[in-house]
Amino acid sequence: QTFLKRVPWLFMKTNNYFVPSLFLIPSFEKELSNLFPEK
């Protein structure tokens, strides 16, 4: 994620609801907790 942050254009193809795995990325933990106190 640190590397991808530097890339101006990202293109994503997915058919998944990958939100649960975003909650397992340590650098996102505090922000997600603030956004969604009720997970």
PDB file of all heavy atoms in Angstrom:
ATOM      1  N   GLN A   1       0.820  -1.207   0.000  1.00  0.00           N
ATOM      2  CA  GLN A   1       0.000   0.000   0.000  1.00  0.00           C
ATOM      3  C   GLN A   1       0.857   1.262   0.000  1.00  0.00           C
ATOM      4  O   GLN A   1       0.515   2.258  -0.619  1.00  0.00           O
ATOM      5  CB  GLN A   1      -0.942  -0.003   1.206  1.00  0.00           C
ATOM      6  CG  GLN A   1      -2.160  -0.893   1.041  1.00  0.00           C
ATOM      7  CD  GLN A   1      -3.013  -0.485  -0.139  1.00  0.00           C
ATOM      8  OE1 GLN A   1      -3.180   0.700  -0.435  1.00  0.00           O
ATOM      9  NE2 GLN A   1      -3.533  -1.471  -0.854  1.00  0.00           N
ATOM     10  N   THR A   2       1.977   1.197   0.684  1.00  0.00           N
ATOM     11  CA  THR A   2       2.910   2.325   0.686  1.00  0.00           C
ATOM     12  C   THR A   2       3.419   2.594  -0.728  1.00  0.00           C
ATOM     13  O   THR A   2       3.545   3.742  -1.157  1.00  0.00           O
ATOM     14  CB  THR A   2       4.096   2.047   1.624  1.00  0.00           C
ATOM     15  OG1 THR A   2       3.600   1.820   2.944  1.00  0.00           O
ATOM     16  CG2 THR A   2       5.076   3.208   1.641  1.00  0.00           C
ATOM     17  N   PHE A   3       3.705   1.516  -1.449  1.00  0.00           N
ATOM     18  CA  PHE A   3       4.164   1.677  -2.827  1.00  0.00           C
ATOM     19  C   PHE A   3       3.041   2.199  -3.731  1.00  0.00           C
ATOM     20  O   PHE A   3       3.229   3.127  -4.517  1.00  0.00           O
ATOM     21  CB  PHE A   3       4.682   0.335  -3.366  1.00  0.00           C
ATOM     22  CG  PHE A   3       5.062   0.384  -4.818  1.00  0.00           C
ATOM     23  CD1 PHE A   3       6.297   0.879  -5.210  1.00  0.00           C
ATOM     24  CD2 PHE A   3       4.173  -0.041  -5.804  1.00  0.00           C
ATOM     25  CE1 PHE A   3       6.641   0.941  -6.557  1.00  0.00           C
ATOM     26  CE2 PHE A   3       4.512   0.009  -7.140  1.00  0.00           C
ATOM     27  CZ  PHE A   3       5.749   0.505  -7.517  1.00  0.00           C
ATOM     28  N   LEU A   4       1.861   1.613  -3.624  1.00  0.00           N
ATOM     29  CA  LEU A   4       0.744   1.985  -4.498  1.00  0.00           C
ATOM     30  C   LEU A   4       0.306   3.426  -4.288  1.00  0.00           C
ATOM     31  O   LEU A   4      -0.252   4.051  -5.203  1.00  0.00           O
ATOM     32  CB  LEU A   4      -0.442   1.047  -4.254  1.00  0.00           C
ATOM     33  CG  LEU A   4      -0.243  -0.409  -4.685  1.00  0.00           C
ATOM     34  CD1 LEU A   4      -1.401  -1.272  -4.194  1.00  0.00           C
ATOM     35  CD2 LEU A   4      -0.113  -0.512  -6.206  1.00  0.00           C
ATOM     36  N   LYS A   5       0.586   3.959  -3.122  1.00  0.00           N
ATOM     37  CA  LYS A   5       0.201   5.336  -2.824  1.00  0.00           C
ATOM     38  C   LYS A   5       0.864   6.326  -3.779  1.00  0.00           C
ATOM     39  O   LYS A   5       0.348   7.417  -4.018  1.00  0.00           O
ATOM     40  CB  LYS A   5       0.585   5.649  -1.372  1.00  0.00           C
ATOM     41  CG  LYS A   5      -0.005   6.936  -0.833  1.00  0.00           C
ATOM     42  CD  LYS A   5       0.338   7.110   0.627  1.00  0.00           C
ATOM     43  CE  LYS A   5      -0.290   8.396   1.183  1.00  0.00           C
ATOM     44  NZ  LYS A   5       0.030   8.564   2.624  1.00  0.00           N
ATOM     45  N   ARG A   6       2.003   5.929  -4.350  1.00  0.00           N
ATOM     46  CA  ARG A   6       2.750   6.836  -5.231  1.00  0.00           C
ATOM     47  C   ARG A   6       2.268   6.801  -6.683  1.00  0.00           C
ATOM     48  O   ARG A   6       2.720   7.590  -7.502  1.00  0.00           O
ATOM     49  CB  ARG A   6       4.239   6.477  -5.211  1.00  0.00           C
ATOM     50  CG  ARG A   6       4.858   6.411  -3.835  1.00  0.00           C
ATOM     51  CD  ARG A   6       6.374   6.553  -3.903  1.00  0.00           C
ATOM     52  NE  ARG A   6       6.988   5.601  -4.821  1.00  0.00           N
ATOM     53  CZ  ARG A   6       7.549   4.456  -4.438  1.00  0.00           C
ATOM     54  NH1 ARG A   6       7.551   4.119  -3.162  1.00  0.00           N
ATOM     55  NH2 ARG A   6       8.115   3.650  -5.311  1.00  0.00           N
ATOM     56  N   VAL A   7       1.389   5.868  -7.010  1.00  0.00           N
ATOM     57  CA  VAL A   7       0.974   5.677  -8.402  1.00  0.00           C
ATOM     58  C   VAL A   7      -0.264   6.537  -8.687  1.00  0.00           C
ATOM     59  O   VAL A   7      -1.309   6.342  -8.055  1.00  0.00           O
ATOM     60  CB  VAL A   7       0.664   4.193  -8.685  1.00  0.00           C
ATOM     61  CG1 VAL A   7       0.310   3.989 -10.156  1.00  0.00           C
ATOM     62  CG2 VAL A   7       1.848   3.311  -8.288  1.00  0.00           C
ATOM     63  N   PRO A   8      -0.187   7.474  -9.642  1.00  0.00           N
ATOM     64  CA  PRO A   8      -1.318   8.393  -9.887  1.00  0.00           C
ATOM     65  C   PRO A   8      -2.585   7.709 -10.385  1.00  0.00           C
ATOM     66  O   PRO A   8      -3.686   8.083 -10.008  1.00  0.00           O
ATOM     67  CB  PRO A   8      -0.770   9.355 -10.955  1.00  0.00           C
ATOM     68  CG  PRO A   8       0.710   9.214 -10.903  1.00  0.00           C
ATOM     69  CD  PRO A   8       0.982   7.817 -10.463  1.00  0.00           C
ATOM     70  N   TRP A   9      -2.432   6.709 -11.248  1.00  0.00           N
ATOM     71  CA  TRP A   9      -3.601   6.053 -11.835  1.00  0.00           C
ATOM     72  C   TRP A   9      -3.619   4.568 -11.462  1.00  0.00           C
ATOM     73  O   TRP A   9      -2.696   3.822 -11.795  1.00  0.00           O
ATOM     74  CB  TRP A   9      -3.587   6.155 -13.364  1.00  0.00           C
ATOM     75  CG  TRP A   9      -3.970   7.514 -13.887  1.00  0.00           C
ATOM     76  CD1 TRP A   9      -3.127   8.526 -14.244  1.00  0.00           C
ATOM     77  CD2 TRP A   9      -5.299   8.005 -14.114  1.00  0.00           C
ATOM     78  NE1 TRP A   9      -3.836   9.612 -14.676  1.00  0.00           N
ATOM     79  CE2 TRP A   9      -5.171   9.325 -14.617  1.00  0.00           C
ATOM     80  CE3 TRP A   9      -6.563   7.458 -13.949  1.00  0.00           C
ATOM     81  CZ2 TRP A   9      -6.280  10.102 -14.945  1.00  0.00           C
ATOM     82  CZ3 TRP A   9      -7.668   8.232 -14.270  1.00  0.00           C
ATOM     83  CH2 TRP A   9      -7.529   9.538 -14.759  1.00  0.00           C
ATOM     84  N   LEU A  10      -4.678   4.155 -10.772  1.00  0.00           N
ATOM     85  CA  LEU A  10      -4.891   2.742 -10.490  1.00  0.00           C
ATOM     86  C   LEU A  10      -6.169   2.303 -11.194  1.00  0.00           C
ATOM     87  O   LEU A  10      -7.190   2.997 -11.143  1.00  0.00           O
ATOM     88  CB  LEU A  10      -5.022   2.492  -8.989  1.00  0.00           C
ATOM     89  CG  LEU A  10      -3.787   2.746  -8.126  1.00  0.00           C
ATOM     90  CD1 LEU A  10      -4.122   2.505  -6.650  1.00  0.00           C
ATOM     91  CD2 LEU A  10      -2.616   1.867  -8.556  1.00  0.00           C
ATOM     92  N   PHE A  11      -6.121   1.155 -11.832  1.00  0.00           N
ATOM     93  CA  PHE A  11      -7.290   0.563 -12.486  1.00  0.00           C
ATOM     94  C   PHE A  11      -7.580  -0.755 -11.780  1.00  0.00           C
ATOM     95  O   PHE A  11      -6.675  -1.572 -11.611  1.00  0.00           O
ATOM     96  CB  PHE A  11      -7.014   0.326 -13.974  1.00  0.00           C
ATOM     97  CG  PHE A  11      -6.708   1.589 -14.732  1.00  0.00           C
ATOM     98  CD1 PHE A  11      -5.405   2.085 -14.795  1.00  0.00           C
ATOM     99  CD2 PHE A  11      -7.721   2.290 -15.370  1.00  0.00           C
ATOM    100  CE1 PHE A  11      -5.118   3.260 -15.475  1.00  0.00           C
ATOM    101  CE2 PHE A  11      -7.446   3.462 -16.053  1.00  0.00           C
ATOM    102  CZ  PHE A  11      -6.146   3.949 -16.106  1.00  0.00           C
ATOM    103  N   MET A  12      -8.827  -0.941 -11.382  1.00  0.00           N
ATOM    104  CA  MET A  12      -9.145  -2.144 -10.619  1.00  0.00           C
ATOM    105  C   MET A  12     -10.329  -2.885 -11.232  1.00  0.00           C
ATOM    106  O   MET A  12     -11.353  -2.293 -11.551  1.00  0.00           O
ATOM    107  CB  MET A  12      -9.464  -1.821  -9.161  1.00  0.00           C
ATOM    108  CG  MET A  12      -9.687  -3.068  -8.305  1.00  0.00           C
ATOM    109  SD  MET A  12     -10.128  -2.712  -6.584  1.00  0.00           S
ATOM    110  CE  MET A  12      -8.572  -2.081  -5.959  1.00  0.00           C
ATOM    111  N   LYS A  13     -10.144  -4.196 -11.358  1.00  0.00           N
ATOM    112  CA  LYS A  13     -11.232  -5.079 -11.761  1.00  0.00           C
ATOM    113  C   LYS A  13     -11.448  -6.072 -10.629  1.00  0.00           C
ATOM    114  O   LYS A  13     -10.511  -6.755 -10.193  1.00  0.00           O
ATOM    115  CB  LYS A  13     -10.901  -5.811 -13.058  1.00  0.00           C
ATOM    116  CG  LYS A  13     -12.042  -6.668 -13.596  1.00  0.00           C
ATOM    117  CD  LYS A  13     -11.627  -7.432 -14.863  1.00  0.00           C
ATOM    118  CE  LYS A  13     -11.493  -6.528 -16.060  1.00  0.00           C
ATOM    119  NZ  LYS A  13     -11.243  -7.318 -17.306  1.00  0.00           N
ATOM    120  N   THR A  14     -12.675  -6.152 -10.137  1.00  0.00           N
ATOM    121  CA  THR A  14     -12.978  -7.076  -9.046  1.00  0.00           C
ATOM    122  C   THR A  14     -14.463  -7.412  -9.059  1.00  0.00           C
ATOM    123  O   THR A  14     -15.278  -6.609  -9.504  1.00  0.00           O
ATOM    124  CB  THR A  14     -12.592  -6.476  -7.673  1.00  0.00           C
ATOM    125  OG1 THR A  14     -12.932  -7.394  -6.638  1.00  0.00           O
ATOM    126  CG2 THR A  14     -13.308  -5.148  -7.422  1.00  0.00           C
ATOM    127  N   ASN A  15     -14.778  -8.589  -8.603  1.00  0.00           N
ATOM    128  CA  ASN A  15     -16.182  -8.970  -8.405  1.00  0.00           C
ATOM    129  C   ASN A  15     -16.418  -9.346  -6.949  1.00  0.00           C
ATOM    130  O   ASN A  15     -17.342 -10.072  -6.632  1.00  0.00           O
ATOM    131  CB  ASN A  15     -16.572 -10.122  -9.339  1.00  0.00           C
ATOM    132  CG  ASN A  15     -15.687 -11.342  -9.168  1.00  0.00           C
ATOM    133  OD1 ASN A  15     -14.712 -11.319  -8.417  1.00  0.00           O
ATOM    134  ND2 ASN A  15     -16.001 -12.424  -9.865  1.00  0.00           N
ATOM    135  N   ASN A  16     -15.551  -8.832  -6.075  1.00  0.00           N
ATOM    136  CA  ASN A  16     -15.581  -9.185  -4.653  1.00  0.00           C
ATOM    137  C   ASN A  16     -15.915  -8.000  -3.763  1.00  0.00           C
ATOM    138  O   ASN A  16     -15.610  -6.850  -4.091  1.00  0.00           O
ATOM    139  CB  ASN A  16     -14.216  -9.729  -4.223  1.00  0.00           C
ATOM    140  CG  ASN A  16     -14.042 -11.191  -4.558  1.00  0.00           C
ATOM    141  OD1 ASN A  16     -14.851 -12.029  -4.173  1.00  0.00           O
ATOM    142  ND2 ASN A  16     -12.982 -11.512  -5.291  1.00  0.00           N
ATOM    143  N   TYR A  17     -16.509  -8.302  -2.618  1.00  0.00           N
ATOM    144  CA  TYR A  17     -16.682  -7.319  -1.561  1.00  0.00           C
ATOM    145  C   TYR A  17     -15.479  -7.483  -0.624  1.00  0.00           C
ATOM    146  O   TYR A  17     -15.515  -8.242   0.341  1.00  0.00           O
ATOM    147  CB  TYR A  17     -17.988  -7.564  -0.810  1.00  0.00           C
ATOM    148  CG  TYR A  17     -18.293  -6.529   0.261  1.00  0.00           C
ATOM    149  CD1 TYR A  17     -18.687  -5.241  -0.091  1.00  0.00           C
ATOM    150  CD2 TYR A  17     -18.192  -6.853   1.617  1.00  0.00           C
ATOM    151  CE1 TYR A  17     -18.970  -4.293   0.887  1.00  0.00           C
ATOM    152  CE2 TYR A  17     -18.478  -5.910   2.595  1.00  0.00           C
ATOM    153  CZ  TYR A  17     -18.864  -4.632   2.219  1.00  0.00           C
ATOM    154  OH  TYR A  17     -19.138  -3.692   3.190  1.00  0.00           O
ATOM    155  N   PHE A  18     -14.395  -6.772  -0.936  1.00  0.00           N
ATOM    156  CA  PHE A  18     -13.136  -7.017  -0.225  1.00  0.00           C
ATOM    157  C   PHE A  18     -12.954  -6.127   1.010  1.00  0.00           C
ATOM    158  O   PHE A  18     -11.866  -6.062   1.602  1.00  0.00           O
ATOM    159  CB  PHE A  18     -11.934  -6.870  -1.172  1.00  0.00           C
ATOM    160  CG  PHE A  18     -11.783  -5.524  -1.836  1.00  0.00           C
ATOM    161  CD1 PHE A  18     -11.259  -4.434  -1.168  1.00  0.00           C
ATOM    162  CD2 PHE A  18     -12.144  -5.359  -3.173  1.00  0.00           C
ATOM    163  CE1 PHE A  18     -11.101  -3.206  -1.786  1.00  0.00           C
ATOM    164  CE2 PHE A  18     -11.986  -4.141  -3.812  1.00  0.00           C
ATOM    165  CZ  PHE A  18     -11.466  -3.055  -3.115  1.00  0.00           C
ATOM    166  N   VAL A  19     -14.016  -5.460   1.438  1.00  0.00           N
ATOM    167  CA  VAL A  19     -13.952  -4.565   2.601  1.00  0.00           C
ATOM    168  C   VAL A  19     -13.393  -5.245   3.851  1.00  0.00           C
ATOM    169  O   VAL A  19     -12.563  -4.653   4.558  1.00  0.00           O
ATOM    170  CB  VAL A  19     -15.344  -3.953   2.878  1.00  0.00           C
ATOM    171  CG1 VAL A  19     -15.396  -3.270   4.240  1.00  0.00           C
ATOM    172  CG2 VAL A  19     -15.704  -2.964   1.775  1.00  0.00           C
ATOM    173  N   PRO A  20     -13.811  -6.484   4.205  1.00  0.00           N
ATOM    174  CA  PRO A  20     -13.275  -7.093   5.430  1.00  0.00           C
ATOM    175  C   PRO A  20     -11.747  -7.132   5.468  1.00  0.00           C
ATOM    176  O   PRO A  20     -11.149  -6.938   6.539  1.00  0.00           O
ATOM    177  CB  PRO A  20     -13.871  -8.507   5.405  1.00  0.00           C
ATOM    178  CG  PRO A  20     -15.160  -8.349   4.677  1.00  0.00           C
ATOM    179  CD  PRO A  20     -14.868  -7.340   3.592  1.00  0.00           C
ATOM    180  N   SER A  21     -11.108  -7.365   4.341  1.00  0.00           N
ATOM    181  CA  SER A  21      -9.643  -7.431   4.333  1.00  0.00           C
ATOM    182  C   SER A  21      -8.996  -6.051   4.447  1.00  0.00           C
ATOM    183  O   SER A  21      -7.835  -5.948   4.849  1.00  0.00           O
ATOM    184  CB  SER A  21      -9.141  -8.148   3.078  1.00  0.00           C
ATOM    185  OG  SER A  21      -9.370  -9.550   3.192  1.00  0.00           O
ATOM    186  N   LEU A  22      -9.714  -4.986   4.099  1.00  0.00           N
ATOM    187  CA  LEU A  22      -9.196  -3.635   4.350  1.00  0.00           C
ATOM    188  C   LEU A  22      -9.081  -3.391   5.851  1.00  0.00           C
ATOM    189  O   LEU A  22      -8.186  -2.677   6.313  1.00  0.00           O
ATOM    190  CB  LEU A  22     -10.109  -2.577   3.716  1.00  0.00           C
ATOM    191  CG  LEU A  22     -10.208  -2.551   2.188  1.00  0.00           C
ATOM    192  CD1 LEU A  22     -11.149  -1.440   1.728  1.00  0.00           C
ATOM    193  CD2 LEU A  22      -8.836  -2.371   1.544  1.00  0.00           C
ATOM    194  N   PHE A  23      -9.991  -3.994   6.618  1.00  0.00           N
ATOM    195  CA  PHE A  23      -9.955  -3.852   8.071  1.00  0.00           C
ATOM    196  C   PHE A  23      -8.802  -4.631   8.703  1.00  0.00           C
ATOM    197  O   PHE A  23      -8.551  -4.480   9.901  1.00  0.00           O
ATOM    198  CB  PHE A  23     -11.289  -4.321   8.677  1.00  0.00           C
ATOM    199  CG  PHE A  23     -12.360  -3.269   8.665  1.00  0.00           C
ATOM    200  CD1 PHE A  23     -13.033  -2.961   7.492  1.00  0.00           C
ATOM    201  CD2 PHE A  23     -12.702  -2.585   9.819  1.00  0.00           C
ATOM    202  CE1 PHE A  23     -14.035  -1.999   7.485  1.00  0.00           C
ATOM    203  CE2 PHE A  23     -13.699  -1.614   9.824  1.00  0.00           C
ATOM    204  CZ  PHE A  23     -14.367  -1.318   8.643  1.00  0.00           C
ATOM    205  N   LEU A  24      -8.111  -5.440   7.916  1.00  0.00           N
ATOM    206  CA  LEU A  24      -6.966  -6.190   8.428  1.00  0.00           C
ATOM    207  C   LEU A  24      -5.639  -5.538   8.059  1.00  0.00           C
ATOM    208  O   LEU A  24      -4.572  -6.066   8.392  1.00  0.00           O
ATOM    209  CB  LEU A  24      -7.003  -7.625   7.886  1.00  0.00           C
ATOM    210  CG  LEU A  24      -8.227  -8.460   8.291  1.00  0.00           C
ATOM    211  CD1 LEU A  24      -8.169  -9.844   7.656  1.00  0.00           C
ATOM    212  CD2 LEU A  24      -8.337  -8.579   9.808  1.00  0.00           C
ATOM    213  N   ILE A  25      -5.685  -4.392   7.370  1.00  0.00           N
ATOM    214  CA  ILE A  25      -4.466  -3.664   7.024  1.00  0.00           C
ATOM    215  C   ILE A  25      -4.171  -2.680   8.155  1.00  0.00           C
ATOM    216  O   ILE A  25      -4.958  -1.755   8.401  1.00  0.00           O
ATOM    217  CB  ILE A  25      -4.631  -2.917   5.681  1.00  0.00           C
ATOM    218  CG1 ILE A  25      -4.922  -3.924   4.561  1.00  0.00           C
ATOM    219  CG2 ILE A  25      -3.391  -2.090   5.365  1.00  0.00           C
ATOM    220  CD1 ILE A  25      -5.206  -3.280   3.207  1.00  0.00           C
ATOM    221  N   PRO A  26      -3.060  -2.854   8.882  1.00  0.00           N
ATOM    222  CA  PRO A  26      -2.799  -2.048  10.088  1.00  0.00           C
ATOM    223  C   PRO A  26      -2.856  -0.533   9.861  1.00  0.00           C
ATOM    224  O   PRO A  26      -3.385   0.200  10.696  1.00  0.00           O
ATOM    225  CB  PRO A  26      -1.386  -2.494  10.505  1.00  0.00           C
ATOM    226  CG  PRO A  26      -1.283  -3.889   9.992  1.00  0.00           C
ATOM    227  CD  PRO A  26      -2.030  -3.899   8.689  1.00  0.00           C
ATOM    228  N   SER A  27      -2.344  -0.048   8.746  1.00  0.00           N
ATOM    229  CA  SER A  27      -2.308   1.402   8.520  1.00  0.00           C
ATOM    230  C   SER A  27      -3.692   2.003   8.301  1.00  0.00           C
ATOM    231  O   SER A  27      -3.867   3.219   8.394  1.00  0.00           O
ATOM    232  CB  SER A  27      -1.405   1.735   7.319  1.00  0.00           C
ATOM    233  OG  SER A  27      -1.890   1.117   6.143  1.00  0.00           O
ATOM    234  N   PHE A  28      -4.678   1.171   8.005  1.00  0.00           N
ATOM    235  CA  PHE A  28      -6.047   1.652   7.803  1.00  0.00           C
ATOM    236  C   PHE A  28      -6.899   1.547   9.076  1.00  0.00           C
ATOM    237  O   PHE A  28      -8.020   2.043   9.116  1.00  0.00           O
ATOM    238  CB  PHE A  28      -6.753   0.848   6.702  1.00  0.00           C
ATOM    239  CG  PHE A  28      -6.198   1.055   5.324  1.00  0.00           C
ATOM    240  CD1 PHE A  28      -6.516   0.169   4.291  1.00  0.00           C
ATOM    241  CD2 PHE A  28      -5.357   2.115   5.030  1.00  0.00           C
ATOM    242  CE1 PHE A  28      -6.028   0.347   3.015  1.00  0.00           C
ATOM    243  CE2 PHE A  28      -4.847   2.310   3.759  1.00  0.00           C
ATOM    244  CZ  PHE A  28      -5.178   1.423   2.737  1.00  0.00           C
ATOM    245  N   GLU A  29      -6.352   0.880  10.085  1.00  0.00           N
ATOM    246  CA  GLU A  29      -7.161   0.499  11.248  1.00  0.00           C
ATOM    247  C   GLU A  29      -7.802   1.695  11.944  1.00  0.00           C
ATOM    248  O   GLU A  29      -9.021   1.714  12.189  1.00  0.00           O
ATOM    249  CB  GLU A  29      -6.287  -0.276  12.240  1.00  0.00           C
ATOM    250  CG  GLU A  29      -7.060  -0.834  13.421  1.00  0.00           C
ATOM    251  CD  GLU A  29      -6.172  -1.671  14.340  1.00  0.00           C
ATOM    252  OE1 GLU A  29      -4.979  -1.849  14.025  1.00  0.00           O
ATOM    253  OE2 GLU A  29      -6.685  -2.119  15.381  1.00  0.00           O
ATOM    254  N   LYS A  30      -7.029   2.729  12.266  1.00  0.00           N
ATOM    255  CA  LYS A  30      -7.569   3.862  13.010  1.00  0.00           C
ATOM    256  C   LYS A  30      -8.598   4.628  12.179  1.00  0.00           C
ATOM    257  O   LYS A  30      -9.659   5.011  12.687  1.00  0.00           O
ATOM    258  CB  LYS A  30      -6.434   4.797  13.444  1.00  0.00           C
ATOM    259  CG  LYS A  30      -6.920   5.940  14.311  1.00  0.00           C
ATOM    260  CD  LYS A  30      -5.774   6.813  14.784  1.00  0.00           C
ATOM    261  CE  LYS A  30      -6.293   7.954  15.662  1.00  0.00           C
ATOM    262  NZ  LYS A  30      -5.189   8.842  16.110  1.00  0.00           N
ATOM    263  N   GLU A  31      -8.278   4.857  10.918  1.00  0.00           N
ATOM    264  CA  GLU A  31      -9.199   5.602  10.051  1.00  0.00           C
ATOM    265  C   GLU A  31     -10.536   4.867   9.902  1.00  0.00           C
ATOM    266  O   GLU A  31     -11.611   5.469   9.979  1.00  0.00           O
ATOM    267  CB  GLU A  31      -8.545   5.807   8.683  1.00  0.00           C
ATOM    268  CG  GLU A  31      -9.376   6.600   7.691  1.00  0.00           C
ATOM    269  CD  GLU A  31      -9.364   8.095   7.951  1.00  0.00           C
ATOM    270  OE1 GLU A  31      -8.838   8.516   9.000  1.00  0.00           O
ATOM    271  OE2 GLU A  31      -9.887   8.846   7.113  1.00  0.00           O
ATOM    272  N   LEU A  32     -10.474   3.568   9.697  1.00  0.00           N
ATOM    273  CA  LEU A  32     -11.703   2.785   9.556  1.00  0.00           C
ATOM    274  C   LEU A  32     -12.509   2.768  10.849  1.00  0.00           C
ATOM    275  O   LEU A  32     -13.741   2.798  10.826  1.00  0.00           O
ATOM    276  CB  LEU A  32     -11.368   1.356   9.126  1.00  0.00           C
ATOM    277  CG  LEU A  32     -10.958   1.196   7.658  1.00  0.00           C
ATOM    278  CD1 LEU A  32     -10.380  -0.197   7.407  1.00  0.00           C
ATOM    279  CD2 LEU A  32     -12.137   1.460   6.725  1.00  0.00           C
ATOM    280  N   SER A  33     -11.825   2.742  11.972  1.00  0.00           N
ATOM    281  CA  SER A  33     -12.511   2.757  13.266  1.00  0.00           C
ATOM    282  C   SER A  33     -13.245   4.076  13.467  1.00  0.00           C
ATOM    283  O   SER A  33     -14.357   4.110  14.007  1.00  0.00           O
ATOM    284  CB  SER A  33     -11.503   2.525  14.390  1.00  0.00           C
ATOM    285  OG  SER A  33     -12.152   2.509  15.642  1.00  0.00           O
ATOM    286  N   ASN A  34     -12.630   5.176  13.026  1.00  0.00           N
ATOM    287  CA  ASN A  34     -13.279   6.484  13.126  1.00  0.00           C
ATOM    288  C   ASN A  34     -14.461   6.602  12.164  1.00  0.00           C
ATOM    289  O   ASN A  34     -15.501   7.175  12.499  1.00  0.00           O
ATOM    290  CB  ASN A  34     -12.277   7.599  12.828  1.00  0.00           C
ATOM    291  CG  ASN A  34     -11.242   7.756  13.925  1.00  0.00           C
ATOM    292  OD1 ASN A  34     -11.443   7.306  15.049  1.00  0.00           O
ATOM    293  ND2 ASN A  34     -10.128   8.387  13.605  1.00  0.00           N
ATOM    294  N   LEU A  35     -14.291   6.057  10.970  1.00  0.00           N
ATOM    295  CA  LEU A  35     -15.354   6.128   9.967  1.00  0.00           C
ATOM    296  C   LEU A  35     -16.554   5.268  10.369  1.00  0.00           C
ATOM    297  O   LEU A  35     -17.711   5.675  10.209  1.00  0.00           O
ATOM    298  CB  LEU A  35     -14.830   5.657   8.606  1.00  0.00           C
ATOM    299  CG  LEU A  35     -13.871   6.584   7.869  1.00  0.00           C
ATOM    300  CD1 LEU A  35     -13.248   5.857   6.677  1.00  0.00           C
ATOM    301  CD2 LEU A  35     -14.581   7.853   7.397  1.00  0.00           C
ATOM    302  N   PHE A  36     -16.254   4.077  10.900  1.00  0.00           N
ATOM    303  CA  PHE A  36     -17.317   3.111  11.198  1.00  0.00           C
ATOM    304  C   PHE A  36     -17.166   2.557  12.608  1.00  0.00           C
ATOM    305  O   PHE A  36     -16.679   1.437  12.787  1.00  0.00           O
ATOM    306  CB  PHE A  36     -17.309   1.979  10.169  1.00  0.00           C
ATOM    307  CG  PHE A  36     -17.479   2.452   8.755  1.00  0.00           C
ATOM    308  CD1 PHE A  36     -16.389   2.577   7.912  1.00  0.00           C
ATOM    309  CD2 PHE A  36     -18.743   2.797   8.274  1.00  0.00           C
ATOM    310  CE1 PHE A  36     -16.536   3.034   6.608  1.00  0.00           C
ATOM    311  CE2 PHE A  36     -18.903   3.256   6.976  1.00  0.00           C
ATOM    312  CZ  PHE A  36     -17.807   3.375   6.136  1.00  0.00           C
ATOM    313  N   PRO A  37     -17.569   3.320  13.628  1.00  0.00           N
ATOM    314  CA  PRO A  37     -17.534   2.793  14.992  1.00  0.00           C
ATOM    315  C   PRO A  37     -18.362   1.520  15.112  1.00  0.00           C
ATOM    316  O   PRO A  37     -18.014   0.625  15.870  1.00  0.00           O
ATOM    317  CB  PRO A  37     -18.144   3.921  15.831  1.00  0.00           C
ATOM    318  CG  PRO A  37     -18.052   5.142  14.992  1.00  0.00           C
ATOM    319  CD  PRO A  37     -18.070   4.702  13.572  1.00  0.00           C
ATOM    320  N   GLU A  38     -19.475   1.469  14.352  1.00  0.00           N
ATOM    321  CA  GLU A  38     -20.266   0.240  14.247  1.00  0.00           C
ATOM    322  C   GLU A  38     -19.796  -0.474  12.983  1.00  0.00           C
ATOM    323  O   GLU A  38     -20.155  -0.100  11.866  1.00  0.00           O
ATOM    324  CB  GLU A  38     -21.760   0.563  14.171  1.00  0.00           C
ATOM    325  CG  GLU A  38     -22.303   1.231  15.420  1.00  0.00           C
ATOM    326  CD  GLU A  38     -23.766   1.608  15.286  1.00  0.00           C
ATOM    327  OE1 GLU A  38     -24.056   2.596  14.598  1.00  0.00           O
ATOM    328  OE2 GLU A  38     -24.609   0.908  15.866  1.00  0.00           O
ATOM    329  N   LYS A  39     -18.988  -1.480  13.153  1.00  0.00           N
ATOM    330  CA  LYS A  39     -18.264  -2.087  12.036  1.00  0.00           C
ATOM    331  C   LYS A  39     -19.166  -2.658  10.945  1.00  0.00           C
ATOM    332  O   LYS A  39     -18.818  -2.660   9.780  1.00  0.00           O
ATOM    333  CB  LYS A  39     -17.345  -3.203  12.563  1.00  0.00           C
ATOM    334  CG  LYS A  39     -16.335  -2.755  13.615  1.00  0.00           C
ATOM    335  CD  LYS A  39     -15.299  -1.812  13.041  1.00  0.00           C
ATOM    336  CE  LYS A  39     -14.152  -1.553  14.005  1.00  0.00           C
ATOM    337  NZ  LYS A  39     -14.554  -0.899  15.264  1.00  0.00           N
TER     338      LYS A  39
END
